[in-house]
PDB file of N, CA and C in Angstrom:
ATOM      1  N   MET A   1      34.804  60.051  19.848  1.00  0.00           N
ATOM      2  CA  MET A   1      35.680  60.384  21.383  1.00  0.00           C
ATOM      3  C   MET A   1      34.689  61.450  22.542  1.00  0.00           C
ATOM      4  N   PHE A   2      34.926  60.521  23.470  1.00  0.00           N
ATOM      5  CA  PHE A   2      34.266  60.985  24.461  1.00  0.00           C
ATOM      6  C   PHE A   2      35.694  62.191  25.041  1.00  0.00           C
ATOM      7  N   ASN A   3      34.779  63.743  25.217  1.00  0.00           N
ATOM      8  CA  ASN A   3      35.369  64.841  25.555  1.00  0.00           C
ATOM      9  C   ASN A   3      35.100  65.038  26.937  1.00  0.00           C
ATOM     10  N   ARG A   4      36.335  64.771  27.796  1.00  0.00           N
ATOM     11  CA  ARG A   4      35.543  64.487  29.213  1.00  0.00           C
ATOM     12  C   ARG A   4      35.927  65.873  29.854  1.00  0.00           C
ATOM     13  N   LYS A   5      37.301  66.555  29.464  1.00  0.00           N
ATOM     14  CA  LYS A   5      36.828  67.912  29.920  1.00  0.00           C
ATOM     15  C   LYS A   5      36.003  68.671  29.668  1.00  0.00           C
ATOM     16  N   ARG A   6      35.643  69.458  28.665  1.00  0.00           N
ATOM     17  CA  ARG A   6      34.527  69.943  28.017  1.00  0.00           C
ATOM     18  C   ARG A   6      33.631  69.444  28.908  1.00  0.00           C
ATOM     19  N   PHE A   7      32.837  68.106  28.873  1.00  0.00           N
ATOM     20  CA  PHE A   7      32.455  67.516  29.688  1.00  0.00           C
ATOM     21  C   PHE A   7      31.999  68.026  30.677  1.00  0.00           C
ATOM     22  N   ALA A   8      32.688  67.959  31.638  1.00  0.00           N
ATOM     23  CA  ALA A   8      33.129  68.359  33.082  1.00  0.00           C
ATOM     24  C   ALA A   8      32.946  70.352  33.314  1.00  0.00           C
ATOM     25  N   GLU A   9      33.054  70.867  31.964  1.00  0.00           N
ATOM     26  CA  GLU A   9      33.175  71.975  32.201  1.00  0.00           C
ATOM     27  C   GLU A   9      32.057  72.438  31.697  1.00  0.00           C
ATOM     28  N   ILE A  10      30.740  72.086  31.510  1.00  0.00           N
ATOM     29  CA  ILE A  10      29.727  72.216  31.101  1.00  0.00           C
ATOM     30  C   ILE A  10      28.711  71.565  32.180  1.00  0.00           C
ATOM     31  N   LEU A  11      29.377  70.698  32.881  1.00  0.00           N
ATOM     32  CA  LEU A  11      28.570  70.438  33.884  1.00  0.00           C
ATOM     33  C   LEU A  11      28.568  71.857  35.236  1.00  0.00           C
ATOM     34  N   GLN A  12      29.616  72.077  35.217  1.00  0.00           N
ATOM     35  CA  GLN A  12      30.422  72.859  36.279  1.00  0.00           C
ATOM     36  C   GLN A  12      29.247  73.754  35.972  1.00  0.00           C
ATOM     37  N   GLU A  13      29.514  74.785  34.472  1.00  0.00           N
ATOM     38  CA  GLU A  13      28.323  75.949  34.021  1.00  0.00           C
ATOM     39  C   GLU A  13      27.243  75.270  34.746  1.00  0.00           C
ATOM     40  N   ILE A  14      26.445  74.135  34.371  1.00  0.00           N
ATOM     41  CA  ILE A  14      25.234  73.844  35.160  1.00  0.00           C
ATOM     42  C   ILE A  14      25.159  74.041  36.304  1.00  0.00           C
ATOM     43  N   ASN A  15      25.964  73.418  37.212  1.00  0.00           N
ATOM     44  CA  ASN A  15      25.926  73.414  38.989  1.00  0.00           C
ATOM     45  C   ASN A  15      25.855  74.725  39.561  1.00  0.00           C
ATOM     46  N   ASN A  16      26.653  75.809  38.605  1.00  0.00           N
ATOM     47  CA  ASN A  16      26.708  77.012  39.202  1.00  0.00           C
ATOM     48  C   ASN A  16      25.550  77.652  39.099  1.00  0.00           C
ATOM     49  N   LYS A  17      24.546  77.015  38.104  1.00  0.00           N
ATOM     50  CA  LYS A  17      22.953  78.120  38.063  1.00  0.00           C
ATOM     51  C   LYS A  17      22.292  77.498  39.542  1.00  0.00           C
ATOM     52  N   TYR A  18      22.599  76.358  40.129  1.00  0.00           N
ATOM     53  CA  TYR A  18      21.837  76.006  41.201  1.00  0.00           C
ATOM     54  C   TYR A  18      22.611  76.443  42.666  1.00  0.00           C
ATOM     55  N   ASP A  19      21.306  76.601  43.550  1.00  0.00           N
ATOM     56  CA  ASP A  19      22.194  76.881  45.063  1.00  0.00           C
ATOM     57  C   ASP A  19      23.010  75.463  45.641  1.00  0.00           C
ATOM     58  N   SER A  20      23.186  74.516  45.066  1.00  0.00           N
ATOM     59  CA  SER A  20      24.076  73.334  45.330  1.00  0.00           C
ATOM     60  C   SER A  20      24.014  72.224  44.720  1.00  0.00           C
ATOM     61  N   GLN A  21      24.975  71.269  44.204  1.00  0.00           N
ATOM     62  CA  GLN A  21      25.496  69.830  43.450  1.00  0.00           C
ATOM     63  C   GLN A  21      23.884  69.252  43.940  1.00  0.00           C
ATOM     64  N   ARG A  22      23.246  69.220  45.321  1.00  0.00           N
ATOM     65  CA  ARG A  22      22.376  68.595  45.485  1.00  0.00           C
ATOM     66  C   ARG A  22      21.491  68.902  44.885  1.00  0.00           C
ATOM     67  N   ASP A  23      21.068  70.267  44.767  1.00  0.00           N
ATOM     68  CA  ASP A  23      19.779  70.415  44.052  1.00  0.00           C
ATOM     69  C   ASP A  23      19.720  70.412  42.598  1.00  0.00           C
ATOM     70  N   PHE A  24      21.160  70.383  42.027  1.00  0.00           N
ATOM     71  CA  PHE A  24      21.311  69.969  40.013  1.00  0.00           C
ATOM     72  C   PHE A  24      21.200  68.235  39.992  1.00  0.00           C
ATOM     73  N   SER A  25      21.452  67.842  40.994  1.00  0.00           N
ATOM     74  CA  SER A  25      21.028  66.301  41.113  1.00  0.00           C
ATOM     75  C   SER A  25      19.576  66.020  41.243  1.00  0.00           C
ATOM     76  N   LYS A  26      18.829  66.689  42.435  1.00  0.00           N
ATOM     77  CA  LYS A  26      17.860  66.682  42.708  1.00  0.00           C
ATOM     78  C   LYS A  26      16.661  67.094  41.135  1.00  0.00           C
ATOM     79  N   LYS A  27      17.168  68.055  40.360  1.00  0.00           N
ATOM     80  CA  LYS A  27      16.427  68.621  39.333  1.00  0.00           C
ATOM     81  C   LYS A  27      16.533  67.708  38.197  1.00  0.00           C
ATOM     82  N   SER A  28      18.027  67.451  38.254  1.00  0.00           N
ATOM     83  CA  SER A  28      17.867  65.949  37.132  1.00  0.00           C
ATOM     84  C   SER A  28      17.879  65.037  37.065  1.00  0.00           C
ATOM     85  N   SER A  29      17.866  64.589  38.207  1.00  0.00           N
ATOM     86  CA  SER A  29      17.167  62.872  38.707  1.00  0.00           C
ATOM     87  C   SER A  29      18.526  62.367  38.502  1.00  0.00           C
ATOM     88  N   ILE A  30      19.591  62.720  38.688  1.00  0.00           N
ATOM     89  CA  ILE A  30      20.874  62.222  38.743  1.00  0.00           C
ATOM     90  C   ILE A  30      21.865  62.160  40.031  1.00  0.00           C
ATOM     91  N   ASN A  31      22.272  60.995  40.470  1.00  0.00           N
ATOM     92  CA  ASN A  31      23.033  60.828  41.734  1.00  0.00           C
ATOM     93  C   ASN A  31      24.055  61.899  41.868  1.00  0.00           C
ATOM     94  N   ARG A  32      24.119  63.063  43.132  1.00  0.00           N
ATOM     95  CA  ARG A  32      25.232  63.603  43.141  1.00  0.00           C
ATOM     96  C   ARG A  32      26.474  63.103  42.896  1.00  0.00           C
ATOM     97  N   THR A  33      27.227  62.034  43.426  1.00  0.00           N
ATOM     98  CA  THR A  33      28.233  61.544  43.063  1.00  0.00           C
ATOM     99  C   THR A  33      28.374  60.975  42.027  1.00  0.00           C
ATOM    100  N   TYR A  34      27.453  60.697  41.638  1.00  0.00           N
ATOM    101  CA  TYR A  34      27.792  60.254  40.034  1.00  0.00           C
ATOM    102  C   TYR A  34      28.081  62.157  38.950  1.00  0.00           C
ATOM    103  N   LEU A  35      27.421  62.756  39.239  1.00  0.00           N
ATOM    104  CA  LEU A  35      27.822  63.758  38.888  1.00  0.00           C
ATOM    105  C   LEU A  35      28.894  64.571  38.976  1.00  0.00           C
ATOM    106  N   SER A  36      29.053  64.256  40.469  1.00  0.00           N
ATOM    107  CA  SER A  36      30.891  64.905  41.269  1.00  0.00           C
ATOM    108  C   SER A  36      31.830  63.916  39.974  1.00  0.00           C
ATOM    109  N   LYS A  37      31.873  62.882  39.908  1.00  0.00           N
ATOM    110  CA  LYS A  37      32.797  62.180  39.304  1.00  0.00           C
ATOM    111  C   LYS A  37      33.081  62.486  37.712  1.00  0.00           C
ATOM    112  N   TYR A  38      32.311  63.242  37.669  1.00  0.00           N
ATOM    113  CA  TYR A  38      32.133  63.392  35.809  1.00  0.00           C
ATOM    114  C   TYR A  38      32.767  65.105  35.917  1.00  0.00           C
ATOM    115  N   MET A  39      32.263  65.878  36.693  1.00  0.00           N
ATOM    116  CA  MET A  39      32.850  66.968  36.912  1.00  0.00           C
ATOM    117  C   MET A  39      34.461  66.979  37.025  1.00  0.00           C
ATOM    118  N   ASN A  40      34.486  66.490  37.901  1.00  0.00           N
ATOM    119  CA  ASN A  40      36.476  66.107  38.325  1.00  0.00           C
ATOM    120  C   ASN A  40      36.671  65.026  37.324  1.00  0.00           C
ATOM    121  N   GLU A  41      36.606  64.696  36.721  1.00  0.00           N
ATOM    122  CA  GLU A  41      36.694  63.806  35.252  1.00  0.00           C
ATOM    123  C   GLU A  41      37.399  62.802  35.948  1.00  0.00           C
ATOM    124  N   LYS A  42      36.538  61.878  36.284  1.00  0.00           N
ATOM    125  CA  LYS A  42      37.075  60.627  37.294  1.00  0.00           C
ATOM    126  C   LYS A  42      36.589  59.981  36.661  1.00  0.00           C
ATOM    127  N   LEU A  43      35.802  59.633  35.472  1.00  0.00           N
ATOM    128  CA  LEU A  43      35.030  58.364  35.139  1.00  0.00           C
ATOM    129  C   LEU A  43      35.193  58.731  33.650  1.00  0.00           C
ATOM    130  N   GLU A  44      35.810  57.313  32.536  1.00  0.00           N
ATOM    131  CA  GLU A  44      36.858  57.043  31.589  1.00  0.00           C
ATOM    132  C   GLU A  44      35.310  57.116  30.620  1.00  0.00           C
ATOM    133  N   ASP A  45      34.090  56.469  30.802  1.00  0.00           N
ATOM    134  CA  ASP A  45      33.334  56.441  29.895  1.00  0.00           C
ATOM    135  C   ASP A  45      31.887  57.616  30.147  1.00  0.00           C
ATOM    136  N   PRO A  46      31.534  57.994  29.100  1.00  0.00           N
ATOM    137  CA  PRO A  46      30.607  58.798  28.518  1.00  0.00           C
ATOM    138  C   PRO A  46      29.219  58.186  29.349  1.00  0.00           C
ATOM    139  N   PRO A  47      28.743  58.783  30.131  1.00  0.00           N
ATOM    140  CA  PRO A  47      27.011  58.728  30.435  1.00  0.00           C
ATOM    141  C   PRO A  47      25.954  58.442  29.103  1.00  0.00           C
ATOM    142  N   LYS A  48      25.221  57.475  29.492  1.00  0.00           N
ATOM    143  CA  LYS A  48      24.279  57.091  28.813  1.00  0.00           C
ATOM    144  C   LYS A  48      23.466  58.291  28.168  1.00  0.00           C
ATOM    145  N   PRO A  49      23.016  57.962  26.780  1.00  0.00           N
ATOM    146  CA  PRO A  49      22.207  59.305  26.207  1.00  0.00           C
ATOM    147  C   PRO A  49      20.903  59.555  26.953  1.00  0.00           C
ATOM    148  N   GLN A  50      20.567  58.617  27.923  1.00  0.00           N
ATOM    149  CA  GLN A  50      19.339  59.003  28.771  1.00  0.00           C
ATOM    150  C   GLN A  50      19.698  60.289  29.873  1.00  0.00           C
ATOM    151  N   THR A  51      20.717  59.979  29.997  1.00  0.00           N
ATOM    152  CA  THR A  51      21.690  60.595  31.435  1.00  0.00           C
ATOM    153  C   THR A  51      21.768  61.793  30.661  1.00  0.00           C
ATOM    154  N   LEU A  52      22.701  62.359  29.444  1.00  0.00           N
ATOM    155  CA  LEU A  52      22.661  63.305  28.923  1.00  0.00           C
ATOM    156  C   LEU A  52      21.346  64.131  28.488  1.00  0.00           C
ATOM    157  N   LYS A  53      19.896  63.376  28.251  1.00  0.00           N
ATOM    158  CA  LYS A  53      18.922  63.844  27.759  1.00  0.00           C
ATOM    159  C   LYS A  53      18.195  64.688  29.124  1.00  0.00           C
ATOM    160  N   LYS A  54      18.593  64.054  30.185  1.00  0.00           N
ATOM    161  CA  LYS A  54      18.371  64.596  32.039  1.00  0.00           C
ATOM    162  C   LYS A  54      18.913  65.788  32.198  1.00  0.00           C
ATOM    163  N   ILE A  55      20.818  65.727  31.571  1.00  0.00           N
ATOM    164  CA  ILE A  55      21.237  67.320  31.961  1.00  0.00           C
ATOM    165  C   ILE A  55      21.235  68.003  31.117  1.00  0.00           C
ATOM    166  N   ALA A  56      20.930  68.206  29.804  1.00  0.00           N
ATOM    167  CA  ALA A  56      20.409  69.466  28.743  1.00  0.00           C
ATOM    168  C   ALA A  56      19.138  69.531  29.490  1.00  0.00           C
ATOM    169  N   GLU A  57      18.161  68.749  29.824  1.00  0.00           N
ATOM    170  CA  GLU A  57      17.016  69.440  30.212  1.00  0.00           C
ATOM    171  C   GLU A  57      16.947  70.144  31.821  1.00  0.00           C
ATOM    172  N   SER A  58      17.668  69.861  32.379  1.00  0.00           N
ATOM    173  CA  SER A  58      17.909  70.305  33.750  1.00  0.00           C
ATOM    174  C   SER A  58      19.177  71.534  33.345  1.00  0.00           C
ATOM    175  N   SER A  59      19.200  72.149  32.612  1.00  0.00           N
ATOM    176  CA  SER A  59      20.700  72.941  32.035  1.00  0.00           C
ATOM    177  C   SER A  59      20.454  74.794  31.928  1.00  0.00           C
ATOM    178  N   PHE A  60      19.267  74.832  32.325  1.00  0.00           N
ATOM    179  CA  PHE A  60      19.135  76.111  32.055  1.00  0.00           C
ATOM    180  C   PHE A  60      19.304  77.228  30.946  1.00  0.00           C
ATOM    181  N   HIS A  61      19.393  75.915  29.712  1.00  0.00           N
ATOM    182  CA  HIS A  61      19.491  76.384  28.694  1.00  0.00           C
ATOM    183  C   HIS A  61      20.992  76.724  28.200  1.00  0.00           C
ATOM    184  N   LEU A  62      21.941  76.320  29.083  1.00  0.00           N
ATOM    185  CA  LEU A  62      23.374  75.998  28.972  1.00  0.00           C
ATOM    186  C   LEU A  62      23.792  75.292  27.865  1.00  0.00           C
ATOM    187  N   THR A  63      23.279  73.992  27.378  1.00  0.00           N
ATOM    188  CA  THR A  63      23.519  73.666  26.590  1.00  0.00           C
ATOM    189  C   THR A  63      22.282  72.427  26.084  1.00  0.00           C
ATOM    190  N   THR A  64      22.514  71.736  25.143  1.00  0.00           N
ATOM    191  CA  THR A  64      21.719  71.086  24.520  1.00  0.00           C
ATOM    192  C   THR A  64      22.008  69.600  24.493  1.00  0.00           C
ATOM    193  N   TYR A  65      21.159  68.607  24.024  1.00  0.00           N
ATOM    194  CA  TYR A  65      21.413  66.919  24.212  1.00  0.00           C
ATOM    195  C   TYR A  65      21.969  66.897  22.806  1.00  0.00           C
ATOM    196  N   SER A  66      21.721  67.607  21.919  1.00  0.00           N
ATOM    197  CA  SER A  66      22.938  67.274  20.638  1.00  0.00           C
ATOM    198  C   SER A  66      24.294  67.420  20.990  1.00  0.00           C
ATOM    199  N   GLU A  67      24.446  68.751  21.605  1.00  0.00           N
ATOM    200  CA  GLU A  67      25.871  69.104  22.092  1.00  0.00           C
ATOM    201  C   GLU A  67      26.259  68.034  22.777  1.00  0.00           C
ATOM    202  N   LEU A  68      25.893  67.152  24.030  1.00  0.00           N
ATOM    203  CA  LEU A  68      26.435  66.647  24.580  1.00  0.00           C
ATOM    204  C   LEU A  68      26.084  65.235  24.186  1.00  0.00           C
ATOM    205  N   MET A  69      25.509  64.929  23.409  1.00  0.00           N
ATOM    206  CA  MET A  69      26.001  63.699  22.251  1.00  0.00           C
ATOM    207  C   MET A  69      27.331  63.789  21.363  1.00  0.00           C
ATOM    208  N   TYR A  70      27.105  65.058  21.237  1.00  0.00           N
ATOM    209  CA  TYR A  70      28.623  65.516  20.362  1.00  0.00           C
ATOM    210  C   TYR A  70      29.744  64.751  21.282  1.00  0.00           C
ATOM    211  N   ILE A  71      29.586  65.305  22.668  1.00  0.00           N
ATOM    212  CA  ILE A  71      30.730  65.821  23.338  1.00  0.00           C
ATOM    213  C   ILE A  71      31.088  64.192  23.781  1.00  0.00           C
ATOM    214  N   CYS A  72      30.210  63.567  24.317  1.00  0.00           N
ATOM    215  CA  CYS A  72      30.250  62.209  25.001  1.00  0.00           C
ATOM    216  C   CYS A  72      30.747  60.800  23.492  1.00  0.00           C
ATOM    217  N   GLY A  73      30.649  61.680  22.208  1.00  0.00           N
ATOM    218  CA  GLY A  73      31.270  60.744  21.495  1.00  0.00           C
ATOM    219  C   GLY A  73      30.067  60.067  20.543  1.00  0.00           C
ATOM    220  N   TYR A  74      29.029  60.189  20.867  1.00  0.00           N
ATOM    221  CA  TYR A  74      27.658  59.559  20.425  1.00  0.00           C
ATOM    222  C   TYR A  74      27.289  59.669  19.196  1.00  0.00           C
ATOM    223  N   VAL A  75      27.627  60.988  18.980  1.00  0.00           N
ATOM    224  CA  VAL A  75      27.155  61.097  17.042  1.00  0.00           C
ATOM    225  C   VAL A  75      28.328  61.655  16.855  1.00  0.00           C
ATOM    226  N   ASP A  76      28.834  60.894  15.477  1.00  0.00           N
ATOM    227  CA  ASP A  76      30.293  60.683  14.731  1.00  0.00           C
ATOM    228  C   ASP A  76      30.105  62.637  14.598  1.00  0.00           C
ATOM    229  N   GLU A  77      31.542  62.823  14.402  1.00  0.00           N
ATOM    230  CA  GLU A  77      32.288  64.168  14.123  1.00  0.00           C
ATOM    231  C   GLU A  77      31.770  64.971  12.657  1.00  0.00           C
ATOM    232  N   THR A  78      31.673  63.715  11.746  1.00  0.00           N
ATOM    233  CA  THR A  78      31.040  64.576  10.578  1.00  0.00           C
ATOM    234  C   THR A  78      29.838  65.068  10.167  1.00  0.00           C
ATOM    235  N   ILE A  79      28.907  64.239  10.852  1.00  0.00           N
ATOM    236  CA  ILE A  79      27.292  65.044  11.272  1.00  0.00           C
ATOM    237  C   ILE A  79      27.192  66.316  12.057  1.00  0.00           C
ATOM    238  N   GLU A  80      26.745  66.995  11.327  1.00  0.00           N
ATOM    239  CA  GLU A  80      26.628  68.239  11.683  1.00  0.00           C
ATOM    240  C   GLU A  80      25.115  68.554  12.585  1.00  0.00           C
ATOM    241  N   LEU A  81      25.613  69.489  13.888  1.00  0.00           N
ATOM    242  CA  LEU A  81      24.497  69.103  15.087  1.00  0.00           C
ATOM    243  C   LEU A  81      24.391  70.800  14.159  1.00  0.00           C
ATOM    244  N   ASP A  82      22.587  70.422  14.725  1.00  0.00           N
ATOM    245  CA  ASP A  82      21.285  71.826  14.971  1.00  0.00           C
ATOM    246  C   ASP A  82      22.059  73.106  15.227  1.00  0.00           C
ATOM    247  N   GLU A  83      22.543  73.892  13.875  1.00  0.00           N
ATOM    248  CA  GLU A  83      22.787  75.202  13.780  1.00  0.00           C
ATOM    249  C   GLU A  83      22.477  75.824  14.675  1.00  0.00           C
ATOM    250  N   ILE A  84      20.865  76.074  14.925  1.00  0.00           N
ATOM    251  CA  ILE A  84      20.602  77.099  15.880  1.00  0.00           C
ATOM    252  C   ILE A  84      20.967  76.189  17.351  1.00  0.00           C
ATOM    253  N   ASP A  85      21.235  74.709  17.868  1.00  0.00           N
ATOM    254  CA  ASP A  85      21.201  74.513  19.164  1.00  0.00           C
ATOM    255  C   ASP A  85      22.634  75.054  19.573  1.00  0.00           C
ATOM    256  N   ILE A  86      23.254  74.812  18.218  1.00  0.00           N
ATOM    257  CA  ILE A  86      24.807  75.563  18.826  1.00  0.00           C
ATOM    258  C   ILE A  86      24.883  77.012  18.660  1.00  0.00           C
ATOM    259  N   ALA A  87      24.013  77.811  17.827  1.00  0.00           N
ATOM    260  CA  ALA A  87      24.484  78.735  18.237  1.00  0.00           C
ATOM    261  C   ALA A  87      23.577  79.535  19.305  1.00  0.00           C
ATOM    262  N   PHE A  88      22.528  78.625  19.815  1.00  0.00           N
ATOM    263  CA  PHE A  88      22.195  78.968  20.597  1.00  0.00           C
ATOM    264  C   PHE A  88      22.518  78.791  22.302  1.00  0.00           C
ATOM    265  N   ALA A  89      23.089  77.719  22.693  1.00  0.00           N
ATOM    266  CA  ALA A  89      24.255  77.324  23.424  1.00  0.00           C
ATOM    267  C   ALA A  89      25.114  78.201  23.887  1.00  0.00           C
ATOM    268  N   SER A  90      26.012  78.377  22.412  1.00  0.00           N
ATOM    269  CA  SER A  90      27.087  79.641  22.535  1.00  0.00           C
ATOM    270  C   SER A  90      26.745  80.989  22.980  1.00  0.00           C
ATOM    271  N   GLY A  91      25.200  81.181  22.407  1.00  0.00           N
ATOM    272  CA  GLY A  91      25.097  82.618  22.946  1.00  0.00           C
ATOM    273  C   GLY A  91      24.691  83.229  23.929  1.00  0.00           C
ATOM    274  N   ILE A  92      24.050  81.779  24.479  1.00  0.00           N
ATOM    275  CA  ILE A  92      23.638  81.730  26.360  1.00  0.00           C
ATOM    276  C   ILE A  92      24.834  82.046  27.243  1.00  0.00           C
ATOM    277  N   ARG A  93      25.917  81.170  26.608  1.00  0.00           N
ATOM    278  CA  ARG A  93      27.204  81.378  27.451  1.00  0.00           C
ATOM    279  C   ARG A  93      27.692  82.404  28.177  1.00  0.00           C
ATOM    280  N   GLY A  94      27.575  83.296  26.640  1.00  0.00           N
ATOM    281  CA  GLY A  94      28.117  84.720  26.336  1.00  0.00           C
ATOM    282  C   GLY A  94      27.640  85.800  27.158  1.00  0.00           C
ATOM    283  N   LEU A  95      26.342  85.516  27.951  1.00  0.00           N
ATOM    284  CA  LEU A  95      25.497  86.290  28.412  1.00  0.00           C
ATOM    285  C   LEU A  95      25.606  86.235  30.397  1.00  0.00           C
ATOM    286  N   ASN A  96      25.702  87.153  30.475  1.00  0.00           N
ATOM    287  CA  ASN A  96      25.806  87.845  32.118  1.00  0.00           C
ATOM    288  C   ASN A  96      24.724  86.793  32.811  1.00  0.00           C
ATOM    289  N   LYS A  97      24.878  86.614  33.390  1.00  0.00           N
ATOM    290  CA  LYS A  97      23.737  85.624  34.752  1.00  0.00           C
ATOM    291  C   LYS A  97      22.398  86.266  34.403  1.00  0.00           C
ATOM    292  N   GLU A  98      22.500  87.746  34.787  1.00  0.00           N
ATOM    293  CA  GLU A  98      21.009  88.639  34.520  1.00  0.00           C
ATOM    294  C   GLU A  98      20.559  88.301  33.178  1.00  0.00           C
ATOM    295  N   ASN A  99      21.270  88.514  32.195  1.00  0.00           N
ATOM    296  CA  ASN A  99      20.895  88.198  30.917  1.00  0.00           C
ATOM    297  C   ASN A  99      20.180  86.741  30.414  1.00  0.00           C
ATOM    298  N   GLN A 100      20.805  86.131  30.669  1.00  0.00           N
ATOM    299  CA  GLN A 100      21.070  84.706  30.895  1.00  0.00           C
ATOM    300  C   GLN A 100      19.312  84.065  31.711  1.00  0.00           C
ATOM    301  N   GLU A 101      18.888  84.483  32.488  1.00  0.00           N
ATOM    302  CA  GLU A 101      17.465  84.803  33.069  1.00  0.00           C
ATOM    303  C   GLU A 101      16.877  85.276  32.112  1.00  0.00           C
ATOM    304  N   ILE A 102      17.049  86.384  31.741  1.00  0.00           N
ATOM    305  CA  ILE A 102      15.965  87.475  30.794  1.00  0.00           C
ATOM    306  C   ILE A 102      15.734  85.844  29.436  1.00  0.00           C
ATOM    307  N   ALA A 103      16.864  85.774  29.259  1.00  0.00           N
ATOM    308  CA  ALA A 103      16.505  84.692  28.203  1.00  0.00           C
ATOM    309  C   ALA A 103      15.978  83.676  28.281  1.00  0.00           C
ATOM    310  N   LYS A 104      15.779  83.542  29.406  1.00  0.00           N
ATOM    311  CA  LYS A 104      15.700  81.915  30.372  1.00  0.00           C
ATOM    312  C   LYS A 104      14.091  82.424  29.884  1.00  0.00           C
ATOM    313  N   SER A 105      13.574  83.172  30.701  1.00  0.00           N
ATOM    314  CA  SER A 105      12.421  83.612  30.632  1.00  0.00           C
ATOM    315  C   SER A 105      11.768  83.888  29.372  1.00  0.00           C
ATOM    316  N   ILE A 106      11.880  84.783  28.525  1.00  0.00           N
ATOM    317  CA  ILE A 106      11.515  84.507  27.281  1.00  0.00           C
ATOM    318  C   ILE A 106      11.013  83.398  26.309  1.00  0.00           C
ATOM    319  N   ILE A 107      12.180  82.344  26.886  1.00  0.00           N
ATOM    320  CA  ILE A 107      11.648  81.012  25.780  1.00  0.00           C
ATOM    321  C   ILE A 107      10.915  80.270  26.696  1.00  0.00           C
ATOM    322  N   GLU A 108      11.030  80.512  27.765  1.00  0.00           N
ATOM    323  CA  GLU A 108       9.758  79.506  28.443  1.00  0.00           C
ATOM    324  C   GLU A 108       8.290  80.471  28.324  1.00  0.00           C
ATOM    325  N   CYS A 109       8.597  81.513  28.023  1.00  0.00           N
ATOM    326  CA  CYS A 109       6.961  82.140  27.850  1.00  0.00           C
ATOM    327  C   CYS A 109       6.739  81.788  26.159  1.00  0.00           C
ATOM    328  N   LEU A 110       7.640  81.876  25.388  1.00  0.00           N
ATOM    329  CA  LEU A 110       7.733  81.084  23.997  1.00  0.00           C
ATOM    330  C   LEU A 110       7.281  79.393  23.696  1.00  0.00           C
ATOM    331  N   LEU A 111       7.708  78.756  24.440  1.00  0.00           N
ATOM    332  CA  LEU A 111       7.385  77.733  24.844  1.00  0.00           C
ATOM    333  C   LEU A 111       5.785  77.443  25.196  1.00  0.00           C
ATOM    334  N   ALA A 112       5.568  78.135  26.472  1.00  0.00           N
ATOM    335  CA  ALA A 112       4.101  77.917  26.685  1.00  0.00           C
ATOM    336  C   ALA A 112       2.779  78.759  26.090  1.00  0.00           C
ATOM    337  N   LYS A 113       3.620  79.455  25.098  1.00  0.00           N
ATOM    338  CA  LYS A 113       2.569  79.958  24.344  1.00  0.00           C
ATOM    339  C   LYS A 113       2.418  78.882  22.823  1.00  0.00           C
ATOM    340  N   GLN A 114       3.544  78.462  22.504  1.00  0.00           N
ATOM    341  CA  GLN A 114       3.389  77.684  21.481  1.00  0.00           C
ATOM    342  C   GLN A 114       2.345  76.609  21.620  1.00  0.00           C
ATOM    343  N   LYS A 115       2.480  76.191  23.115  1.00  0.00           N
ATOM    344  CA  LYS A 115       2.125  74.817  23.617  1.00  0.00           C
ATOM    345  C   LYS A 115       0.423  74.880  23.785  1.00  0.00           C
ATOM    346  N   GLU A 116       0.008  76.448  24.332  1.00  0.00           N
ATOM    347  CA  GLU A 116      -1.247  76.990  24.401  1.00  0.00           C
ATOM    348  C   GLU A 116      -1.890  77.089  22.804  1.00  0.00           C
ATOM    349  N   GLU A 117      -1.343  77.780  22.050  1.00  0.00           N
ATOM    350  CA  GLU A 117      -1.538  77.582  20.291  1.00  0.00           C
ATOM    351  C   GLU A 117      -2.226  75.867  19.684  1.00  0.00           C
ATOM    352  N   GLU A 118      -0.625  75.179  20.302  1.00  0.00           N
ATOM    353  CA  GLU A 118      -1.234  74.242  19.869  1.00  0.00           C
ATOM    354  C   GLU A 118      -2.170  72.867  20.831  1.00  0.00           C
ATOM    355  N   ASN A 119      -2.572  73.410  21.677  1.00  0.00           N
ATOM    356  CA  ASN A 119      -3.730  72.796  22.403  1.00  0.00           C
ATOM    357  C   ASN A 119      -5.173  73.435  21.640  1.00  0.00           C
ATOM    358  N   GLN A 120      -4.925  74.412  21.335  1.00  0.00           N
ATOM    359  CA  GLN A 120      -6.081  75.198  20.614  1.00  0.00           C
ATOM    360  C   GLN A 120      -6.849  74.763  19.384  1.00  0.00           C
ATOM    361  N   LYS A 121      -5.382  74.285  18.778  1.00  0.00           N
ATOM    362  CA  LYS A 121      -5.656  73.764  17.233  1.00  0.00           C
ATOM    363  C   LYS A 121      -6.023  72.585  17.743  1.00  0.00           C
ATOM    364  N   HIS A 122      -5.765  71.705  18.632  1.00  0.00           N
ATOM    365  CA  HIS A 122      -6.318  70.202  18.736  1.00  0.00           C
ATOM    366  C   HIS A 122      -7.628  69.990  19.462  1.00  0.00           C
ATOM    367  N   HIS A 123      -8.383  71.371  20.034  1.00  0.00           N
ATOM    368  CA  HIS A 123      -9.483  71.341  20.355  1.00  0.00           C
ATOM    369  C   HIS A 123     -10.555  72.478  19.364  1.00  0.00           C
ATOM    370  N   SER A 124      -9.982  72.481  18.341  1.00  0.00           N
ATOM    371  CA  SER A 124     -10.920  73.119  17.561  1.00  0.00           C
ATOM    372  C   SER A 124     -11.548  72.659  16.239  1.00  0.00           C
TER     373      SER A 124
END
C-alpha cells in the first residue's frame, strides 16, 4: 500500500537539501508541480518506478530506490529490503547537515575510486 505521508516526508527532506524546489525538479528531471503534489499528499497513486529511481538518484543519499519502492507499495511487505540500504538511509537522516555532506563526499570518493579500479581491470 502507498504510504503517502511517509513519501511526502522523504520528498520534503530531499527538497530541503536543494536551494529551491525548482532545483530539485531540475536535478531529478521531474516536473516541479508533480513533485509538489506528492509533497502535499495530493495524489492518491504512487509515482512509477522510473520516477522513484530519479528521486533516489537525486536524494543526496537520503533514501534508496528500494526504500521508495517499499513505501510506494511496489515491493511486498514480506520481502526484506537490502539491510545496508536501510541502515545507510536511517543513519544519514540522523546526522546533522554538515556531517551529511561529509558522508556524501566520502561515498562519492569511494564510488569514484571503485569506478577507476574497475576501469583499470578492464584495460589490463
